[in-house]
Amino acid sequence: MAQQFAIATPTTAEMTRVAVVGGVAGVTGAVEGIALSMAPKLGALELPFHWGMLLGVPVIGVGVALLTKGMIGDAGLGIAAAGAAILGQTLPVMLQEFTLAGRKGLTAEQKAALAAGNGVKLLGQGAAAEAARRALGARVGIEF
């Protein structure tokens, strides 16, 4: 059967489908965004929670969209679309730190200055030590 392209008045079913997909996508994006912004408060669970949300939401949405019909299938399509959009927006920023363009070695002068200790300001333990300290004090459960 040949595909058709025509500009016509949409049917009620088409408008309902677009409204369900768009509405569910908007709500899913807001909920996932809030959940991802709360991830740093989870301490040691931040990394698995973050990646679980980024990868799990689109997979769940695709599963619902493929295995159901009607408005529930449309809702799954909205969940998959929102999850994929957030993954597509977040992933390049997260992977940027692994690219070779971001890593540059120290010059010979910088290495000599570090070895001699001249003019080198020692910083505190930094964010990694703070995260480790919080992870040791992390409790299991949900607080409101």
Protein backbone atom coordinates (compact mmCIF):
# COMPACT_ATOMS: atom_id res chain seq x y z
CA MET A 1 0.00 0.00 0.00
CA ALA A 2 1.37 3.37 -1.00
CA GLN A 3 1.89 6.00 1.65
CA GLN A 4 -0.32 9.03 1.51
CA PHE A 5 0.57 12.59 2.23
CA ALA A 6 -2.28 15.00 2.56
CA ILE A 7 -3.21 18.04 4.53
CA ALA A 8 -6.57 17.38 6.06
CA THR A 9 -8.50 17.99 9.22
CA PRO A 10 -7.30 15.52 11.87
CA THR A 11 -9.76 13.05 13.29
CA THR A 12 -10.69 12.89 16.94
CA ALA A 13 -8.58 9.75 17.38
CA GLU A 14 -5.52 11.47 15.91
CA MET A 15 -5.93 14.54 18.09
CA THR A 16 -6.42 12.36 21.17
CA ARG A 17 -3.28 10.39 20.37
CA VAL A 18 -1.19 13.55 19.96
CA ALA A 19 -2.61 14.99 23.21
CA VAL A 20 -1.88 11.79 25.18
CA VAL A 21 1.65 11.38 23.81
CA GLY A 22 2.50 15.06 24.35
CA GLY A 23 0.95 15.27 27.81
CA VAL A 24 2.60 12.11 29.08
CA ALA A 25 5.93 13.15 27.57
CA GLY A 26 5.76 16.49 29.37
CA VAL A 27 4.91 14.94 32.72
CA THR A 28 7.56 12.22 32.29
CA GLY A 29 10.21 14.81 31.44
CA ALA A 30 9.34 16.88 34.51
CA VAL A 31 9.33 13.88 36.86
CA GLU A 32 12.57 12.46 35.45
CA GLY A 33 14.22 15.88 35.62
CA ILE A 34 13.25 16.26 39.28
CA ALA A 35 14.45 12.74 40.06
CA LEU A 36 17.80 13.34 38.35
CA SER A 37 18.28 16.63 40.17
CA MET A 38 17.75 14.81 43.48
CA ALA A 39 20.27 12.07 42.63
CA PRO A 40 23.31 13.85 44.18
CA LYS A 41 21.59 13.65 47.58
CA LEU A 42 21.68 9.84 47.45
CA GLY A 43 25.41 9.62 48.17
CA ALA A 44 26.85 6.30 47.03
CA LEU A 45 23.64 5.44 45.17
CA GLU A 46 23.88 8.51 42.94
CA LEU A 47 25.64 6.85 40.01
CA PRO A 48 23.44 3.73 39.71
CA PHE A 49 20.29 5.80 40.24
CA HIS A 50 21.34 8.35 37.63
CA TRP A 51 22.17 5.76 34.97
CA GLY A 52 19.15 3.67 35.91
CA MET A 53 16.84 6.62 35.33
CA LEU A 54 18.56 7.65 32.10
CA LEU A 55 18.43 4.15 30.60
CA GLY A 56 15.41 2.67 32.37
CA VAL A 57 12.76 5.24 31.52
CA PRO A 58 13.09 4.91 27.73
CA VAL A 59 13.22 1.10 27.97
CA ILE A 60 10.06 0.99 30.08
CA GLY A 61 8.33 3.39 27.70
CA VAL A 62 9.25 1.30 24.66
CA GLY A 63 8.02 -1.85 26.41
CA VAL A 64 4.67 -0.28 27.28
CA ALA A 65 4.29 1.16 23.78
CA LEU A 66 5.02 -2.16 22.06
CA LEU A 67 3.05 -4.44 24.35
CA THR A 68 -0.19 -2.45 24.73
CA LYS A 69 -2.75 -0.82 22.49
CA GLY A 70 -4.85 2.30 22.64
CA MET A 71 -4.23 5.17 25.02
CA ILE A 72 -1.94 3.11 27.24
CA GLY A 73 0.28 2.37 24.24
CA ASP A 74 0.24 6.08 23.39
CA ALA A 75 1.25 6.88 26.96
CA GLY A 76 4.16 4.43 26.62
CA LEU A 77 5.19 6.23 23.45
CA GLY A 78 5.22 9.51 25.39
CA ILE A 79 7.32 7.98 28.16
CA ALA A 80 9.79 6.58 25.62
CA ALA A 81 10.00 9.92 23.82
CA ALA A 82 10.63 11.91 26.99
CA GLY A 83 13.20 9.42 28.31
CA ALA A 84 15.04 9.38 25.00
CA ALA A 85 15.04 13.17 24.85
CA ILE A 86 16.53 13.49 28.33
CA LEU A 87 19.09 10.78 27.56
CA GLY A 88 20.00 12.54 24.31
CA GLN A 89 20.43 15.85 26.11
CA THR A 90 22.39 14.48 29.07
CA LEU A 91 24.64 11.86 27.50
CA PRO A 92 26.95 14.14 25.46
CA VAL A 93 27.69 16.27 28.52
CA MET A 94 28.41 13.20 30.64
CA LEU A 95 30.66 11.61 28.02
CA GLN A 96 32.53 14.84 27.33
CA GLU A 97 34.89 14.22 30.22
CA PHE A 98 36.00 10.95 28.61
CA THR A 99 37.02 12.48 25.28
CA LEU A 100 40.66 13.05 24.45
CA ALA A 101 40.00 16.69 23.58
CA GLY A 102 39.25 17.50 27.20
CA ARG A 103 42.45 15.97 28.56
CA LYS A 104 45.70 17.78 28.08
CA GLY A 105 48.96 16.82 29.71
CA LEU A 106 51.05 19.11 31.83
CA THR A 107 53.86 21.06 30.25
CA ALA A 108 57.45 20.50 31.36
CA GLU A 109 57.35 23.78 33.31
CA GLN A 110 54.19 22.76 35.14
CA LYS A 111 55.63 19.37 36.02
CA ALA A 112 58.81 21.00 37.35
CA ALA A 113 56.79 23.49 39.41
CA LEU A 114 54.73 20.67 40.91
CA ALA A 115 57.83 18.62 41.70
CA ALA A 116 59.55 21.59 43.36
CA GLY A 117 56.43 22.81 45.13
CA ASN A 118 57.20 26.42 44.20
CA GLY A 119 54.10 28.57 43.91
CA VAL A 120 51.82 25.57 44.10
CA LYS A 121 48.71 26.16 46.16
CA LEU A 122 47.47 23.03 47.86
CA LEU A 123 43.71 22.73 47.77
CA GLY A 124 41.44 20.99 50.23
CA GLN A 125 40.29 17.45 49.74
CA GLY A 126 37.62 18.57 47.31
CA ALA A 127 34.32 17.20 46.15
CA ALA A 128 35.44 13.56 45.94
CA ALA A 129 36.32 13.42 49.63
CA GLU A 130 33.07 15.18 50.53
CA ALA A 131 31.10 12.62 48.48
CA ALA A 132 32.96 9.76 50.18
CA ARG A 133 32.24 11.24 53.60
CA ARG A 134 28.55 11.54 52.76
CA ALA A 135 28.47 7.98 51.41
CA LEU A 136 29.79 6.63 54.71
CA GLY A 137 27.03 8.42 56.56
CA ALA A 138 24.31 7.48 54.08
CA ARG A 139 21.26 5.74 55.46
CA VAL A 140 18.96 3.38 53.68
CA GLY A 141 15.43 4.66 53.35
CA ILE A 142 13.44 7.63 52.19
CA GLU A 143 13.16 10.88 54.08
CA PHE A 144 10.45 13.45 53.55
